[in-house]
C-alpha atoms as a PDB file:
ATOM      1  CA  MET A   1     221.016 170.787  31.134  1.00  0.00           C
ATOM      2  CA  GLU A   2     218.873 171.008  34.174  1.00  0.00           C
ATOM      3  CA  ASP A   3     217.004 174.263  34.672  1.00  0.00           C
ATOM      4  CA  GLU A   4     218.895 176.212  37.332  1.00  0.00           C
ATOM      5  CA  HIS A   5     215.830 178.044  38.416  1.00  0.00           C
ATOM      6  CA  ALA A   6     213.941 174.762  38.934  1.00  0.00           C
ATOM      7  CA  LYS A   7     216.950 173.425  40.882  1.00  0.00           C
ATOM      8  CA  LEU A   8     217.035 176.394  43.166  1.00  0.00           C
ATOM      9  CA  LYS A   9     213.328 176.092  43.697  1.00  0.00           C
ATOM     10  CA  SER A  10     213.626 172.426  44.560  1.00  0.00           C
ATOM     11  CA  ASN A  11     216.222 173.239  47.230  1.00  0.00           C
ATOM     12  CA  ALA A  12     214.118 175.962  48.746  1.00  0.00           C
ATOM     13  CA  ALA A  13     212.083 175.384  51.831  1.00  0.00           C
ATOM     14  CA  PRO A  14     208.544 174.373  51.032  1.00  0.00           C
ATOM     15  CA  ASP A  15     205.786 176.936  51.292  1.00  0.00           C
ATOM     16  CA  ARG A  16     204.166 176.978  54.721  1.00  0.00           C
ATOM     17  CA  VAL A  17     200.502 176.020  54.745  1.00  0.00           C
ATOM     18  CA  PRO A  18     198.497 177.897  57.358  1.00  0.00           C
ATOM     19  CA  PRO A  19     196.879 175.586  59.910  1.00  0.00           C
ATOM     20  CA  ARG A  20     193.222 174.717  59.262  1.00  0.00           C
ATOM     21  CA  ARG A  21     190.870 176.327  61.708  1.00  0.00           C
ATOM     22  CA  LEU A  22     188.222 173.895  62.942  1.00  0.00           C
ATOM     23  CA  PRO A  23     184.795 175.128  63.944  1.00  0.00           C
ATOM     24  CA  PRO A  24     184.347 175.475  67.666  1.00  0.00           C
ATOM     25  CA  PRO A  25     182.577 172.571  69.388  1.00  0.00           C
ATOM     26  CA  PRO A  26     178.870 173.109  69.960  1.00  0.00           C
ATOM     27  CA  SER A  27     177.989 174.506  73.284  1.00  0.00           C
ATOM     28  CA  PRO A  28     176.254 172.232  75.800  1.00  0.00           C
ATOM     29  CA  ARG A  29     173.098 174.254  75.256  1.00  0.00           C
ATOM     30  CA  ARG A  30     173.095 173.495  71.517  1.00  0.00           C
ATOM     31  CA  TRP A  31     173.690 169.799  72.233  1.00  0.00           C
ATOM     32  CA  GLY A  32     170.707 169.808  74.579  1.00  0.00           C
ATOM     33  CA  LEU A  33     168.392 171.388  72.026  1.00  0.00           C
ATOM     34  CA  GLY A  34     169.430 168.906  69.353  1.00  0.00           C
ATOM     35  CA  LEU A  35     168.844 165.949  71.635  1.00  0.00           C
ATOM     36  CA  VAL A  36     165.389 167.201  72.547  1.00  0.00           C
ATOM     37  CA  ALA A  37     164.522 167.655  68.869  1.00  0.00           C
ATOM     38  CA  ALA A  38     165.688 164.111  68.072  1.00  0.00           C
ATOM     39  CA  VAL A  39     163.610 162.643  70.871  1.00  0.00           C
ATOM     40  CA  ILE A  40     160.525 164.556  69.674  1.00  0.00           C
ATOM     41  CA  LEU A  41     161.006 163.345  66.089  1.00  0.00           C
ATOM     42  CA  LEU A  42     161.489 159.769  67.259  1.00  0.00           C
ATOM     43  CA  SER A  43     158.315 159.937  69.354  1.00  0.00           C
ATOM     44  CA  LEU A  44     156.327 161.335  66.450  1.00  0.00           C
ATOM     45  CA  GLY A  45     157.638 158.556  64.214  1.00  0.00           C
ATOM     46  CA  LEU A  46     156.648 155.870  66.691  1.00  0.00           C
ATOM     47  CA  CYS A  47     153.169 157.372  67.046  1.00  0.00           C
ATOM     48  CA  LEU A  48     152.760 157.424  63.273  1.00  0.00           C
ATOM     49  CA  TYR A  49     153.934 153.814  63.009  1.00  0.00           C
ATOM     50  CA  ALA A  50     151.517 152.727  65.720  1.00  0.00           C
ATOM     51  CA  SER A  51     148.626 154.456  63.968  1.00  0.00           C
ATOM     52  CA  LEU A  52     149.417 152.774  60.645  1.00  0.00           C
ATOM     53  CA  LYS A  53     150.136 149.320  62.033  1.00  0.00           C
ATOM     54  CA  PRO A  54     147.021 147.061  62.070  1.00  0.00           C
ATOM     55  CA  ALA A  55     145.578 146.381  65.471  1.00  0.00           C
ATOM     56  CA  PRO A  56     146.245 142.836  66.707  1.00  0.00           C
ATOM     57  CA  ALA A  57     143.403 140.391  66.126  1.00  0.00           C
ATOM     58  CA  PRO A  58     141.312 139.613  69.190  1.00  0.00           C
ATOM     59  CA  GLU A  59     142.034 136.325  70.919  1.00  0.00           C
ATOM     60  CA  THR A  60     140.258 133.389  69.283  1.00  0.00           C
ATOM     61  CA  GLY A  61     136.904 132.679  70.911  1.00  0.00           C
ATOM     62  CA  SER A  62     137.088 135.728  73.131  1.00  0.00           C
ATOM     63  CA  PRO A  63     134.133 138.097  73.662  1.00  0.00           C
ATOM     64  CA  ALA A  64     136.060 140.734  71.740  1.00  0.00           C
ATOM     65  CA  GLN A  65     136.407 138.432  68.754  1.00  0.00           C
ATOM     66  CA  GLU A  66     132.731 137.473  68.838  1.00  0.00           C
ATOM     67  CA  GLU A  67     131.809 141.162  68.932  1.00  0.00           C
ATOM     68  CA  ASP A  68     134.102 141.773  65.966  1.00  0.00           C
ATOM     69  CA  PHE A  69     132.492 138.921  64.020  1.00  0.00           C
ATOM     70  CA  ALA A  70     129.003 140.236  64.829  1.00  0.00           C
ATOM     71  CA  MET A  71     129.960 143.636  63.440  1.00  0.00           C
ATOM     72  CA  ARG A  72     131.400 142.066  60.281  1.00  0.00           C
ATOM     73  CA  ARG A  73     128.255 139.978  59.878  1.00  0.00           C
ATOM     74  CA  GLU A  74     126.068 143.068  60.022  1.00  0.00           C
ATOM     75  CA  VAL A  75     128.259 144.827  57.460  1.00  0.00           C
ATOM     76  CA  MET A  76     128.107 141.730  55.230  1.00  0.00           C
ATOM     77  CA  VAL A  77     124.308 141.692  55.279  1.00  0.00           C
ATOM     78  CA  GLU A  78     123.923 145.408  54.639  1.00  0.00           C
ATOM     79  CA  THR A  79     126.601 145.890  51.989  1.00  0.00           C
ATOM     80  CA  THR A  80     126.610 142.621  50.040  1.00  0.00           C
ATOM     81  CA  ILE A  81     123.118 141.156  50.474  1.00  0.00           C
ATOM     82  CA  ALA A  82     120.410 143.719  51.222  1.00  0.00           C
ATOM     83  CA  SER A  83     122.023 146.301  48.964  1.00  0.00           C
ATOM     84  CA  ARG A  84     121.931 143.823  46.063  1.00  0.00           C
ATOM     85  CA  GLY A  85     118.204 143.165  46.178  1.00  0.00           C
ATOM     86  CA  VAL A  86     117.509 140.479  48.784  1.00  0.00           C
ATOM     87  CA  GLU A  87     114.411 141.827  50.547  1.00  0.00           C
ATOM     88  CA  ASP A  88     112.900 138.948  52.537  1.00  0.00           C
ATOM     89  CA  GLU A  89     113.184 140.095  56.159  1.00  0.00           C
ATOM     90  CA  ASN A  90     113.243 136.532  57.459  1.00  0.00           C
ATOM     91  CA  VAL A  91     116.170 135.676  55.194  1.00  0.00           C
ATOM     92  CA  LEU A  92     118.039 138.830  56.229  1.00  0.00           C
ATOM     93  CA  ARG A  93     117.373 138.043  59.885  1.00  0.00           C
ATOM     94  CA  ALA A  94     118.763 134.530  59.437  1.00  0.00           C
ATOM     95  CA  MET A  95     121.868 135.829  57.675  1.00  0.00           C
ATOM     96  CA  ARG A  96     122.467 138.219  60.575  1.00  0.00           C
ATOM     97  CA  ALA A  97     122.003 135.469  63.159  1.00  0.00           C
ATOM     98  CA  VAL A  98     123.976 132.495  61.806  1.00  0.00           C
ATOM     99  CA  GLN A  99     127.671 132.643  62.692  1.00  0.00           C
ATOM    100  CA  ARG A 100     129.377 131.904  59.403  1.00  0.00           C
ATOM    101  CA  HIS A 101     132.783 131.875  61.086  1.00  0.00           C
ATOM    102  CA  ARG A 102     131.729 128.688  62.868  1.00  0.00           C
ATOM    103  CA  PHE A 103     131.420 126.927  59.504  1.00  0.00           C
ATOM    104  CA  VAL A 104     134.810 127.803  57.975  1.00  0.00           C
ATOM    105  CA  PRO A 105     138.239 126.220  58.665  1.00  0.00           C
ATOM    106  CA  PRO A 106     140.478 128.035  61.185  1.00  0.00           C
ATOM    107  CA  ASP A 107     142.822 129.282  58.483  1.00  0.00           C
ATOM    108  CA  GLN A 108     139.877 131.012  56.758  1.00  0.00           C
ATOM    109  CA  LEU A 109     138.530 132.902  59.785  1.00  0.00           C
ATOM    110  CA  ASP A 110     139.764 136.264  58.510  1.00  0.00           C
ATOM    111  CA  TYR A 111     137.593 135.792  55.406  1.00  0.00           C
ATOM    112  CA  ALA A 112     134.505 134.366  57.126  1.00  0.00           C
ATOM    113  CA  TYR A 113     132.367 137.391  56.250  1.00  0.00           C
ATOM    114  CA  ALA A 114     133.865 138.188  52.865  1.00  0.00           C
ATOM    115  CA  ASP A 115     131.394 137.798  50.014  1.00  0.00           C
ATOM    116  CA  HIS A 116     132.974 134.854  48.270  1.00  0.00           C
ATOM    117  CA  ALA A 117     133.134 131.086  48.558  1.00  0.00           C
ATOM    118  CA  LEU A 118     135.768 129.505  50.812  1.00  0.00           C
ATOM    119  CA  PRO A 119     137.369 126.051  50.716  1.00  0.00           C
ATOM    120  CA  ILE A 120     136.268 123.573  53.391  1.00  0.00           C
ATOM    121  CA  GLY A 121     138.278 120.556  52.272  1.00  0.00           C
ATOM    122  CA  TYR A 122     137.640 117.541  50.028  1.00  0.00           C
ATOM    123  CA  GLY A 123     137.350 119.833  47.013  1.00  0.00           C
ATOM    124  CA  GLN A 124     134.217 121.495  48.401  1.00  0.00           C
ATOM    125  CA  THR A 125     133.372 125.069  49.389  1.00  0.00           C
ATOM    126  CA  ILE A 126     131.068 127.083  51.602  1.00  0.00           C
ATOM    127  CA  SER A 127     129.015 129.216  49.240  1.00  0.00           C
ATOM    128  CA  GLN A 128     129.195 132.976  48.828  1.00  0.00           C
ATOM    129  CA  PRO A 129     126.893 134.664  51.414  1.00  0.00           C
ATOM    130  CA  PHE A 130     124.942 136.579  48.772  1.00  0.00           C
ATOM    131  CA  ILE A 131     124.228 133.378  46.838  1.00  0.00           C
ATOM    132  CA  VAL A 132     123.089 131.615  50.025  1.00  0.00           C
ATOM    133  CA  ALA A 133     120.686 134.446  50.845  1.00  0.00           C
ATOM    134  CA  TRP A 134     119.422 134.818  47.280  1.00  0.00           C
ATOM    135  CA  MET A 135     118.776 131.092  46.764  1.00  0.00           C
ATOM    136  CA  THR A 136     117.006 130.919  50.129  1.00  0.00           C
ATOM    137  CA  GLU A 137     114.765 133.817  49.134  1.00  0.00           C
ATOM    138  CA  LEU A 138     114.025 132.196  45.786  1.00  0.00           C
ATOM    139  CA  LEU A 139     112.585 129.147  47.555  1.00  0.00           C
ATOM    140  CA  GLU A 140     109.710 131.322  48.855  1.00  0.00           C
ATOM    141  CA  LEU A 141     109.360 129.157  51.948  1.00  0.00           C
ATOM    142  CA  LYS A 142     106.209 129.254  54.039  1.00  0.00           C
ATOM    143  CA  PRO A 143     105.563 128.107  57.626  1.00  0.00           C
ATOM    144  CA  GLY A 144     105.262 124.341  57.982  1.00  0.00           C
ATOM    145  CA  GLU A 145     106.906 123.485  54.658  1.00  0.00           C
ATOM    146  CA  LYS A 146     109.604 120.855  54.111  1.00  0.00           C
ATOM    147  CA  VAL A 147     112.799 121.715  52.311  1.00  0.00           C
ATOM    148  CA  LEU A 148     115.468 119.324  51.053  1.00  0.00           C
ATOM    149  CA  GLU A 149     119.062 120.482  50.590  1.00  0.00           C
ATOM    150  CA  ILE A 150     121.368 118.566  48.262  1.00  0.00           C
ATOM    151  CA  GLY A 151     124.993 119.101  49.319  1.00  0.00           C
ATOM    152  CA  THR A 152     125.259 119.811  53.052  1.00  0.00           C
ATOM    153  CA  GLY A 153     128.930 120.766  52.829  1.00  0.00           C
ATOM    154  CA  SER A 154     129.827 122.803  55.910  1.00  0.00           C
ATOM    155  CA  GLY A 155     126.204 122.949  57.103  1.00  0.00           C
ATOM    156  CA  TYR A 156     125.933 126.736  56.668  1.00  0.00           C
ATOM    157  CA  GLN A 157     123.044 126.710  54.196  1.00  0.00           C
ATOM    158  CA  ALA A 158     121.149 124.215  56.368  1.00  0.00           C
ATOM    159  CA  ALA A 159     121.687 126.491  59.369  1.00  0.00           C
ATOM    160  CA  ILE A 160     120.265 129.468  57.462  1.00  0.00           C
ATOM    161  CA  LEU A 161     117.177 127.425  56.563  1.00  0.00           C
ATOM    162  CA  ALA A 162     116.770 126.234  60.154  1.00  0.00           C
ATOM    163  CA  GLU A 163     117.248 129.775  61.501  1.00  0.00           C
ATOM    164  CA  LEU A 164     114.116 130.819  59.629  1.00  0.00           C
ATOM    165  CA  GLY A 165     112.321 128.944  62.364  1.00  0.00           C
ATOM    166  CA  TYR A 166     109.275 127.750  60.463  1.00  0.00           C
ATOM    167  CA  VAL A 167     110.379 124.994  58.053  1.00  0.00           C
ATOM    168  CA  GLU A 168     111.541 121.376  58.326  1.00  0.00           C
ATOM    169  CA  VAL A 169     115.064 120.944  56.962  1.00  0.00           C
ATOM    170  CA  TYR A 170     116.520 117.772  55.433  1.00  0.00           C
ATOM    171  CA  SER A 171     120.051 117.699  54.019  1.00  0.00           C
ATOM    172  CA  ILE A 172     122.188 115.123  52.170  1.00  0.00           C
ATOM    173  CA  GLU A 173     125.986 115.123  51.821  1.00  0.00           C
ATOM    174  CA  ILE A 174     127.868 112.577  49.736  1.00  0.00           C
ATOM    175  CA  ILE A 175     131.257 112.952  51.484  1.00  0.00           C
ATOM    176  CA  PRO A 176     131.111 111.020  54.784  1.00  0.00           C
ATOM    177  CA  GLU A 177     133.581 113.232  56.649  1.00  0.00           C
ATOM    178  CA  LEU A 178     131.720 116.413  55.727  1.00  0.00           C
ATOM    179  CA  ALA A 179     128.342 114.885  56.593  1.00  0.00           C
ATOM    180  CA  THR A 180     129.562 113.881  60.067  1.00  0.00           C
ATOM    181  CA  ARG A 181     131.261 117.202  60.685  1.00  0.00           C
ATOM    182  CA  ALA A 182     128.261 119.242  59.536  1.00  0.00           C
ATOM    183  CA  GLU A 183     125.818 117.246  61.664  1.00  0.00           C
ATOM    184  CA  GLN A 184     127.994 117.725  64.755  1.00  0.00           C
ATOM    185  CA  ARG A 185     128.400 121.435  64.098  1.00  0.00           C
ATOM    186  CA  LEU A 186     124.680 121.966  63.585  1.00  0.00           C
ATOM    187  CA  GLU A 187     123.936 120.179  66.858  1.00  0.00           C
ATOM    188  CA  GLU A 188     126.561 122.252  68.711  1.00  0.00           C
ATOM    189  CA  LEU A 189     124.973 125.466  67.457  1.00  0.00           C
ATOM    190  CA  GLY A 190     121.459 124.429  68.411  1.00  0.00           C
ATOM    191  CA  TYR A 191     120.193 123.374  64.985  1.00  0.00           C
ATOM    192  CA  ASP A 192     119.648 119.794  66.063  1.00  0.00           C
ATOM    193  CA  GLU A 193     116.250 119.672  64.321  1.00  0.00           C
ATOM    194  CA  VAL A 194     118.042 119.542  60.955  1.00  0.00           C
ATOM    195  CA  ARG A 195     118.091 115.985  59.620  1.00  0.00           C
ATOM    196  CA  VAL A 196     121.400 115.146  57.936  1.00  0.00           C
ATOM    197  CA  ARG A 197     122.427 111.946  56.231  1.00  0.00           C
ATOM    198  CA  GLN A 198     125.290 110.769  54.080  1.00  0.00           C
ATOM    199  CA  GLY A 199     124.369 109.654  50.591  1.00  0.00           C
ATOM    200  CA  ASP A 200     124.179 110.439  46.896  1.00  0.00           C
ATOM    201  CA  GLY A 201     122.040 113.563  46.685  1.00  0.00           C
ATOM    202  CA  TYR A 202     121.215 112.943  43.030  1.00  0.00           C
ATOM    203  CA  TYR A 203     118.550 110.491  44.203  1.00  0.00           C
ATOM    204  CA  GLY A 204     117.090 112.816  46.827  1.00  0.00           C
ATOM    205  CA  TRP A 205     115.665 111.501  50.085  1.00  0.00           C
ATOM    206  CA  GLN A 206     112.609 109.455  49.240  1.00  0.00           C
ATOM    207  CA  GLU A 207     111.767 108.623  52.850  1.00  0.00           C
ATOM    208  CA  TYR A 208     110.499 112.145  53.574  1.00  0.00           C
ATOM    209  CA  ALA A 209     109.266 113.088  50.090  1.00  0.00           C
ATOM    210  CA  PRO A 210     107.495 114.983  48.689  1.00  0.00           C
ATOM    211  CA  TYR A 211     109.094 118.352  49.459  1.00  0.00           C
ATOM    212  CA  ASP A 212     107.739 121.842  49.145  1.00  0.00           C
ATOM    213  CA  ALA A 213     111.179 123.075  48.124  1.00  0.00           C
ATOM    214  CA  ILE A 214     114.514 121.604  47.034  1.00  0.00           C
ATOM    215  CA  ILE A 215     117.766 123.558  47.005  1.00  0.00           C
ATOM    216  CA  VAL A 216     120.825 122.105  45.282  1.00  0.00           C
ATOM    217  CA  THR A 217     124.206 123.573  46.253  1.00  0.00           C
ATOM    218  CA  ALA A 218     126.389 121.714  43.745  1.00  0.00           C
ATOM    219  CA  ALA A 219     125.975 121.708  39.981  1.00  0.00           C
ATOM    220  CA  PRO A 220     124.919 118.667  37.943  1.00  0.00           C
ATOM    221  CA  ASP A 221     125.144 118.939  34.172  1.00  0.00           C
ATOM    222  CA  HIS A 222     121.424 118.158  33.834  1.00  0.00           C
ATOM    223  CA  LEU A 223     118.210 118.301  35.840  1.00  0.00           C
ATOM    224  CA  PRO A 224     118.017 115.118  37.984  1.00  0.00           C
ATOM    225  CA  ALA A 225     114.758 113.252  37.423  1.00  0.00           C
ATOM    226  CA  PRO A 226     114.638 111.784  40.988  1.00  0.00           C
ATOM    227  CA  LEU A 227     114.633 115.269  42.491  1.00  0.00           C
ATOM    228  CA  LEU A 228     111.872 116.442  40.207  1.00  0.00           C
ATOM    229  CA  ALA A 229     109.818 113.373  41.168  1.00  0.00           C
ATOM    230  CA  GLN A 230     110.131 114.307  44.864  1.00  0.00           C
ATOM    231  CA  LEU A 231     108.906 117.874  44.344  1.00  0.00           C
ATOM    232  CA  LYS A 232     105.382 118.467  45.598  1.00  0.00           C
ATOM    233  CA  ASP A 233     102.743 120.039  43.369  1.00  0.00           C
ATOM    234  CA  GLY A 234     103.360 123.757  43.716  1.00  0.00           C
ATOM    235  CA  GLY A 235     106.904 123.028  44.879  1.00  0.00           C
ATOM    236  CA  ARG A 236     109.974 125.058  43.959  1.00  0.00           C
ATOM    237  CA  MET A 237     113.478 123.892  43.109  1.00  0.00           C
ATOM    238  CA  VAL A 238     116.546 126.154  42.900  1.00  0.00           C
ATOM    239  CA  ILE A 239     119.503 124.486  41.229  1.00  0.00           C
ATOM    240  CA  PRO A 240     122.651 125.386  39.236  1.00  0.00           C
ATOM    241  CA  ILE A 241     123.000 123.356  36.040  1.00  0.00           C
ATOM    242  CA  GLY A 242     125.997 123.265  33.748  1.00  0.00           C
ATOM    243  CA  PRO A 243     129.320 121.627  32.898  1.00  0.00           C
ATOM    244  CA  PRO A 244     131.832 121.007  35.705  1.00  0.00           C
ATOM    245  CA  GLY A 245     134.708 123.444  35.989  1.00  0.00           C
ATOM    246  CA  LEU A 246     132.876 126.202  34.141  1.00  0.00           C
ATOM    247  CA  TYR A 247     130.112 128.675  34.879  1.00  0.00           C
ATOM    248  CA  GLN A 248     126.643 127.247  35.179  1.00  0.00           C
ATOM    249  CA  THR A 249     123.120 128.635  34.973  1.00  0.00           C
ATOM    250  CA  LEU A 250     121.033 129.096  38.080  1.00  0.00           C
ATOM    251  CA  TRP A 251     117.512 127.829  37.507  1.00  0.00           C
ATOM    252  CA  LYS A 252     114.295 128.053  39.463  1.00  0.00           C
ATOM    253  CA  PHE A 253     111.724 125.390  38.609  1.00  0.00           C
ATOM    254  CA  VAL A 254     108.119 125.453  39.758  1.00  0.00           C
ATOM    255  CA  ASN A 255     105.919 122.363  39.565  1.00  0.00           C
ATOM    256  CA  GLN A 256     102.448 123.677  38.753  1.00  0.00           C
ATOM    257  CA  ASP A 257      99.688 121.140  38.124  1.00  0.00           C
ATOM    258  CA  GLY A 258     102.136 118.618  36.724  1.00  0.00           C
ATOM    259  CA  GLU A 259     103.733 121.175  34.414  1.00  0.00           C
ATOM    260  CA  LEU A 260     107.306 122.258  35.051  1.00  0.00           C
ATOM    261  CA  LYS A 261     108.021 125.940  34.602  1.00  0.00           C
ATOM    262  CA  GLY A 262     111.624 127.078  34.450  1.00  0.00           C
ATOM    263  CA  TYR A 263     113.212 130.465  35.094  1.00  0.00           C
ATOM    264  CA  ASN A 264     116.768 131.197  33.960  1.00  0.00           C
ATOM    265  CA  LEU A 265     118.373 133.421  36.622  1.00  0.00           C
ATOM    266  CA  GLY A 266     121.799 133.907  35.077  1.00  0.00           C
ATOM    267  CA  GLY A 267     125.339 132.628  35.458  1.00  0.00           C
ATOM    268  CA  VAL A 268     126.831 131.245  38.670  1.00  0.00           C
ATOM    269  CA  GLY A 269     129.844 129.161  39.677  1.00  0.00           C
ATOM    270  CA  PHE A 270     129.447 126.014  41.824  1.00  0.00           C
ATOM    271  CA  VAL A 271     131.472 122.896  42.489  1.00  0.00           C
ATOM    272  CA  PRO A 272     130.119 119.927  40.497  1.00  0.00           C
ATOM    273  CA  LEU A 273     127.590 117.491  41.898  1.00  0.00           C
ATOM    274  CA  THR A 274     129.426 114.215  42.375  1.00  0.00           C
ATOM    275  CA  GLY A 275     128.347 110.601  42.742  1.00  0.00           C
ATOM    276  CA  GLN A 276     127.273 107.704  40.608  1.00  0.00           C
ATOM    277  CA  GLY A 277     123.813 109.097  39.989  1.00  0.00           C
ATOM    278  CA  VAL A 278     124.912 112.131  38.037  1.00  0.00           C
ATOM    279  CA  HIS A 279     126.809 109.853  35.612  1.00  0.00           C
ATOM    280  CA  GLU A 280     124.089 107.245  35.233  1.00  0.00           C
ATOM    281  CA  GLY A 281     120.939 109.343  35.431  1.00  0.00           C
ATOM    282  CA  GLN A 282     118.819 110.292  32.459  1.00  0.00           C
ATOM    283  CA  PRO A 283     118.519 114.061  32.000  1.00  0.00           C
ATOM    284  CA  VAL A 284     115.142 115.739  32.084  1.00  0.00           C
ATOM    285  CA  PRO A 285     114.606 118.183  29.190  1.00  0.00           C
ATOM    286  CA  LEU A 286     114.657 121.738  30.478  1.00  0.00           C
ATOM    287  CA  PRO A 287     111.467 123.709  29.946  1.00  0.00           C
ATOM    288  CA  THR A 288     111.578 126.785  27.758  1.00  0.00           C
ATOM    289  CA  PRO A 289     112.110 129.828  30.018  1.00  0.00           C
END
């Protein structure tokens, strides 16, 4: 039987729910203050964003960009070359003067003054600035001397040698496209006294031998006999030697009275010396350091 009390309750009028009181709308004055606060916060946010966002790069080739590169070049010399022991003032002057950004591909411009090697095409690189400066210093060049570079590449090392202003520079590049490009670039930058030719650097450049100094910027797996034969008595050679694809050893050889003295300067990393000569040549035994 249905509960009578529940039945009566079901027939009763429902309980009245009091109407919900909504908060009064904000006064125009309060709306105005809130809007002002929002605008202030938005402005502060935009200012913060602008301060954190990198400044746009200067237009390519503009005076502003050249000034930026000059500043980076100075920082490069001070922080990655002079601070690491390169002391020859002529070498430091040359490193400050030569525009490395003119020797790198356009897509590498942002890294032109970073202290590491950069690709230049054809499997080759432009060497790390510190290594360029250090190897140049190791040559101990004197006014009037002749220096032969094996591996012109971009032409940057040849430009550093020419910027010294007191040596004759000869350079060989095995890759025809790089040889042509480097020669043109050197001429454009005023280093037209540098003699560049395309050929297998393993055999040196007999026409102008002997040389007071030879610098090799790619690594053979042995000391090339033709280069040693073109080194003048008292001459110096700086060369990385070691297996391709791995770290090599940087050597400095000095030809003193027909006796070769060798100095092991530690590990480095270079692209391999290519060409027929490096595969066919007979290695020269390395002197005991």
